Amino acid sequence: RSPGLCAIIHYLVRGQLGWLGLTIACVVPGYAAQFLSILWFKADGHPPSCWLLVIHLLQLGLWKRYWDVLRMAAKTGGSACAGEVLTQHGDVSVLQLLEALLQTLPHLLLQAYVVVAVEPAGLVPGVSAGLSLLSLAWALVSYSRFSCLLKPGHLCPPAAAILCLLLWRTGMLGTRVLALVLFARLYSFWVFAVAGVHWLLMAFWLVAQQTDIVSQACRWRLFNCLVGAVYIFCYVNVRPGPSKNRVAVFYAVST
């Protein structure tokens, strides 16, 4: 939480109330992941206590889940309840990715715009944007790692592979965010038109793939719209099976 907190304190001290309000507004969508985490605790047979609710209110619910995964892995030696450990780790990975897309990504865009267009020499917004970029990239890498572990016969990727994936995600996200911020700096609100066209193309592409992750029609449409917005910045595999052709099509259109 340090990137957002440092940026909030920075704008508060400098009296930049407009940027302060926008930075605080970027925090609010992150509570969707905290709310979902509470629902999953309840579904797992753990009624949320007052202490658990306070932890999630402080947006520390995912840290609590990470602690539970580490404690469970330490108790079992990483083998006796590997299935349960993997399930808990999967919950954390999905929630972390959701929080990163709803909270970290808007914060990254906002701070990057401040650095490029408003305060080029601003140390705090620059550091905040950099840490947010790393956090978003790590959320995507963690999700990819979990998806790999779900496949039969696949082992945990080595540290070198995870590092390479992290560098690739960081570079890809950094260039896309920078391109959008520079476009917004030059053409102002026209960036929303460009992003909107990209979003529509990606949403229709998802509809054409007939993803069956969500069964209900209304939720299926909402899912495609949300993932289509994510595809403005990065590719997230939402279908089982080889994704080589889909990745090639995505980057051919996006570039």
Protein backbone atom coordinates (compact mmCIF):
# COMPACT_ATOMS: atom_id res chain seq x y z
CA ARG A 1 0.00 0.00 0.00
CA SER A 2 3.05 2.28 0.19
CA PRO A 3 2.83 3.74 -3.38
CA GLY A 4 -0.68 5.05 -2.88
CA LEU A 5 -0.08 6.16 0.70
CA CYS A 6 3.08 8.07 -0.21
CA ALA A 7 1.32 9.78 -3.11
CA ILE A 8 -1.63 10.76 -0.88
CA ILE A 9 0.70 12.27 1.75
CA HIS A 10 2.71 14.03 -0.98
CA TYR A 11 -0.34 15.75 -2.49
CA LEU A 12 -1.78 16.54 0.95
CA VAL A 13 1.42 18.26 2.09
CA ARG A 14 1.70 20.24 -1.15
CA GLY A 15 -1.96 21.24 -1.05
CA GLN A 16 -2.74 19.70 -4.46
CA LEU A 17 -6.29 18.77 -3.57
CA GLY A 18 -7.32 17.81 -7.12
CA TRP A 19 -4.63 15.18 -7.51
CA LEU A 20 -5.21 14.14 -3.88
CA GLY A 21 -8.87 13.43 -4.58
CA LEU A 22 -8.11 11.48 -7.75
CA THR A 23 -5.47 9.42 -5.94
CA ILE A 24 -7.90 8.57 -3.15
CA ALA A 25 -10.55 7.71 -5.74
CA CYS A 26 -8.16 5.12 -7.22
CA VAL A 27 -8.15 3.31 -3.86
CA VAL A 28 -11.92 2.75 -3.74
CA PRO A 29 -12.22 0.08 -6.52
CA GLY A 30 -9.72 -2.07 -4.65
CA TYR A 31 -12.36 -2.83 -2.04
CA ALA A 32 -14.07 -5.08 -4.58
CA ALA A 33 -11.25 -7.61 -4.08
CA GLN A 34 -11.49 -7.23 -0.30
CA PHE A 35 -15.26 -7.79 -0.39
CA LEU A 36 -14.81 -10.87 -2.57
CA SER A 37 -12.17 -12.17 -0.17
CA ILE A 38 -14.64 -11.91 2.73
CA LEU A 39 -17.27 -13.78 0.72
CA TRP A 40 -14.76 -16.54 -0.04
CA PHE A 41 -13.81 -16.82 3.63
CA LYS A 42 -17.48 -17.25 4.43
CA ALA A 43 -17.94 -19.82 1.64
CA ASP A 44 -14.97 -21.80 3.01
CA GLY A 45 -16.68 -22.13 6.38
CA HIS A 46 -14.88 -19.29 8.18
CA PRO A 47 -17.46 -16.75 9.37
CA PRO A 48 -15.85 -13.30 9.20
CA SER A 49 -15.04 -11.98 12.66
CA CYS A 50 -14.74 -8.33 13.59
CA TRP A 51 -10.95 -8.58 13.41
CA LEU A 52 -11.13 -10.09 9.93
CA LEU A 53 -13.49 -7.34 8.79
CA VAL A 54 -11.11 -4.68 10.14
CA ILE A 55 -8.20 -6.27 8.27
CA HIS A 56 -10.13 -6.17 5.02
CA LEU A 57 -11.31 -2.63 5.70
CA LEU A 58 -7.64 -1.64 5.92
CA GLN A 59 -7.10 -3.48 2.61
CA LEU A 60 -4.88 -6.06 4.26
CA GLY A 61 -7.08 -9.04 3.50
CA LEU A 62 -4.76 -10.37 0.80
CA TRP A 63 -1.81 -10.20 3.19
CA LYS A 64 -3.85 -12.28 5.62
CA ARG A 65 -4.44 -14.86 2.89
CA TYR A 66 -0.73 -14.94 2.02
CA TRP A 67 0.07 -15.52 5.68
CA ASP A 68 -2.42 -18.39 5.80
CA VAL A 69 -0.86 -19.99 2.71
CA LEU A 70 2.66 -19.73 4.18
CA ARG A 71 1.52 -21.12 7.53
CA MET A 72 -0.30 -24.03 5.88
CA ALA A 73 2.70 -24.83 3.69
CA ALA A 74 5.02 -24.75 6.71
CA LYS A 75 2.76 -27.07 8.70
CA THR A 76 2.44 -29.67 5.96
CA GLY A 77 5.98 -29.42 4.64
CA GLY A 78 4.56 -28.43 1.26
CA SER A 79 3.41 -31.95 0.38
CA ALA A 80 0.76 -33.41 2.70
CA CYS A 81 -1.96 -30.95 1.71
CA ALA A 82 -0.50 -29.71 -1.55
CA GLY A 83 -3.95 -29.58 -3.11
CA GLU A 84 -5.32 -27.35 -0.36
CA VAL A 85 -2.24 -25.13 -0.42
CA LEU A 86 -2.59 -24.77 -4.19
CA THR A 87 -6.26 -23.86 -3.84
CA GLN A 88 -5.52 -21.19 -1.25
CA HIS A 89 -2.68 -19.84 -3.36
CA GLY A 90 -4.98 -19.72 -6.36
CA ASP A 91 -7.51 -17.65 -4.42
CA VAL A 92 -4.79 -15.17 -3.48
CA SER A 93 -3.49 -14.96 -7.05
CA VAL A 94 -6.92 -14.24 -8.50
CA LEU A 95 -7.74 -11.68 -5.82
CA GLN A 96 -4.35 -10.02 -6.22
CA LEU A 97 -4.85 -9.76 -9.98
CA LEU A 98 -8.34 -8.30 -9.49
CA GLU A 99 -7.05 -5.73 -7.01
CA ALA A 100 -4.14 -4.83 -9.29
CA LEU A 101 -6.41 -4.25 -12.28
CA LEU A 102 -9.03 -2.28 -10.33
CA GLN A 103 -6.75 -0.26 -8.07
CA THR A 104 -3.08 -0.41 -9.01
CA LEU A 105 -3.60 0.13 -12.74
CA PRO A 106 -5.66 3.36 -12.37
CA HIS A 107 -3.15 4.62 -9.80
CA LEU A 108 -0.30 3.85 -12.20
CA LEU A 109 -1.98 5.74 -15.04
CA LEU A 110 -2.69 8.73 -12.82
CA GLN A 111 0.82 9.00 -11.37
CA ALA A 112 2.42 8.46 -14.78
CA TYR A 113 0.34 11.31 -16.19
CA VAL A 114 1.39 13.55 -13.30
CA VAL A 115 5.06 12.80 -13.98
CA VAL A 116 4.76 13.37 -17.74
CA ALA A 117 2.40 16.34 -17.89
CA VAL A 118 2.33 18.09 -14.52
CA GLU A 119 5.38 17.44 -12.37
CA PRO A 120 8.27 16.04 -14.47
CA ALA A 121 10.74 16.32 -11.60
CA GLY A 122 8.35 14.88 -9.02
CA LEU A 123 10.17 12.16 -7.10
CA VAL A 124 7.22 10.81 -5.15
CA PRO A 125 4.82 10.43 -8.12
CA GLY A 126 7.63 8.83 -10.15
CA VAL A 127 8.52 6.32 -7.44
CA SER A 128 4.83 5.64 -6.81
CA ALA A 129 4.26 4.95 -10.50
CA GLY A 130 7.31 2.67 -10.66
CA LEU A 131 6.25 0.62 -7.64
CA SER A 132 2.71 0.37 -8.99
CA LEU A 133 4.10 -0.90 -12.30
CA LEU A 134 6.10 -3.61 -10.52
CA SER A 135 3.09 -4.55 -8.39
CA LEU A 136 0.86 -4.90 -11.44
CA ALA A 137 3.47 -6.92 -13.31
CA TRP A 138 3.95 -9.24 -10.33
CA ALA A 139 0.18 -9.80 -10.03
CA LEU A 140 0.13 -10.94 -13.68
CA VAL A 141 3.17 -13.17 -13.15
CA SER A 142 1.65 -14.72 -10.03
CA TYR A 143 -1.56 -15.47 -11.91
CA SER A 144 0.41 -17.02 -14.80
CA ARG A 145 2.40 -19.14 -12.36
CA PHE A 146 -0.77 -20.41 -10.72
CA SER A 147 -2.30 -21.21 -14.13
CA CYS A 148 0.81 -23.19 -14.98
CA LEU A 149 0.63 -25.18 -11.74
CA LEU A 150 -2.96 -26.16 -12.50
CA LYS A 151 -1.94 -28.00 -15.66
CA PRO A 152 -1.38 -31.75 -15.13
CA GLY A 153 2.28 -32.71 -15.03
CA HIS A 154 3.56 -29.13 -14.81
CA LEU A 155 6.02 -28.23 -12.07
CA CYS A 156 6.67 -24.88 -10.48
CA PRO A 157 8.54 -22.62 -12.94
CA PRO A 158 12.16 -21.93 -11.93
CA ALA A 159 13.17 -18.58 -10.49
CA ALA A 160 14.93 -17.59 -13.73
CA ALA A 161 11.75 -18.13 -15.74
CA ILE A 162 9.70 -16.11 -13.25
CA LEU A 163 12.25 -13.29 -13.38
CA CYS A 164 12.18 -13.24 -17.19
CA LEU A 165 8.39 -13.22 -17.15
CA LEU A 166 8.40 -10.37 -14.64
CA LEU A 167 10.77 -8.32 -16.80
CA TRP A 168 8.65 -8.99 -19.89
CA ARG A 169 5.42 -8.00 -18.17
CA THR A 170 7.04 -4.87 -16.71
CA GLY A 171 8.40 -3.76 -20.07
CA MET A 172 5.14 -4.47 -21.89
CA LEU A 173 2.97 -2.66 -19.36
CA GLY A 174 5.42 0.22 -19.04
CA THR A 175 5.46 0.93 -22.77
CA ARG A 176 1.67 0.74 -23.07
CA VAL A 177 1.09 3.02 -20.11
CA LEU A 178 3.68 5.48 -21.38
CA ALA A 179 2.12 5.49 -24.86
CA LEU A 180 -1.35 6.21 -23.43
CA VAL A 181 -0.05 8.94 -21.14
CA LEU A 182 1.87 10.66 -23.95
CA PHE A 183 -1.19 10.43 -26.20
CA ALA A 184 -3.31 11.97 -23.44
CA ARG A 185 -0.69 14.67 -22.96
CA LEU A 186 -0.86 15.67 -26.63
CA TYR A 187 -4.49 14.99 -27.54
CA SER A 188 -6.28 15.26 -24.21
CA PHE A 189 -9.63 13.44 -24.15
CA TRP A 190 -9.15 11.82 -27.56
CA VAL A 191 -7.27 9.09 -25.70
CA PHE A 192 -10.64 7.84 -24.43
CA ALA A 193 -11.87 7.44 -28.00
CA VAL A 194 -8.81 5.37 -28.96
CA ALA A 195 -9.04 3.26 -25.80
CA GLY A 196 -12.78 2.82 -26.37
CA VAL A 197 -12.28 1.47 -29.90
CA HIS A 198 -9.61 -0.92 -28.63
CA TRP A 199 -11.91 -2.03 -25.82
CA LEU A 200 -14.79 -2.74 -28.21
CA LEU A 201 -12.56 -4.75 -30.54
CA MET A 202 -11.22 -6.86 -27.69
CA ALA A 203 -14.69 -7.38 -26.18
CA PHE A 204 -16.12 -8.58 -29.50
CA TRP A 205 -13.09 -10.83 -29.93
CA LEU A 206 -13.79 -12.44 -26.55
CA VAL A 207 -17.43 -12.94 -27.53
CA ALA A 208 -16.30 -14.63 -30.75
CA GLN A 209 -14.14 -17.04 -28.73
CA GLN A 210 -17.21 -18.19 -26.77
CA THR A 211 -15.50 -18.25 -23.40
CA ASP A 212 -17.49 -20.43 -20.99
CA ILE A 213 -15.98 -19.34 -17.68
CA VAL A 214 -19.22 -17.61 -16.72
CA SER A 215 -22.48 -19.44 -17.43
CA GLN A 216 -25.17 -16.81 -16.87
CA ALA A 217 -25.80 -14.58 -19.87
CA CYS A 218 -25.70 -11.21 -18.11
CA ARG A 219 -22.55 -12.10 -16.14
CA TRP A 220 -20.98 -13.50 -19.31
CA ARG A 221 -21.47 -10.15 -21.07
CA LEU A 222 -20.09 -8.27 -18.06
CA PHE A 223 -17.07 -10.60 -17.92
CA ASN A 224 -16.28 -10.01 -21.60
CA CYS A 225 -16.59 -6.26 -21.17
CA LEU A 226 -14.27 -6.23 -18.15
CA VAL A 227 -11.63 -8.46 -19.74
CA GLY A 228 -11.90 -6.41 -22.93
CA ALA A 229 -10.91 -3.34 -20.89
CA VAL A 230 -7.97 -5.27 -19.41
CA TYR A 231 -6.82 -6.16 -22.92
CA ILE A 232 -6.09 -2.48 -23.57
CA PHE A 233 -2.95 -3.01 -21.49
CA CYS A 234 -2.08 -6.69 -21.43
CA TYR A 235 -3.16 -10.18 -22.44
CA VAL A 236 -4.62 -12.49 -19.81
CA ASN A 237 -5.41 -16.04 -20.86
CA VAL A 238 -8.98 -16.86 -19.82
CA ARG A 239 -9.42 -20.09 -21.75
CA PRO A 240 -7.91 -23.53 -21.14
CA GLY A 241 -5.59 -25.09 -23.67
CA PRO A 242 -2.75 -23.70 -25.80
CA SER A 243 -2.89 -19.93 -26.16
CA LYS A 244 -0.11 -19.43 -28.72
CA ASN A 245 -2.44 -18.46 -31.57
CA ARG A 246 -4.55 -16.16 -29.39
CA VAL A 247 -1.47 -14.37 -28.09
CA ALA A 248 -0.19 -13.92 -31.65
CA VAL A 249 -3.52 -12.43 -32.78
CA PHE A 250 -3.66 -10.13 -29.74
CA TYR A 251 -0.21 -8.66 -30.26
CA ALA A 252 -0.69 -8.40 -34.02
CA VAL A 253 -3.76 -6.21 -33.44
CA SER A 254 -2.39 -4.31 -30.45
CA THR A 255 0.87 -3.27 -32.05
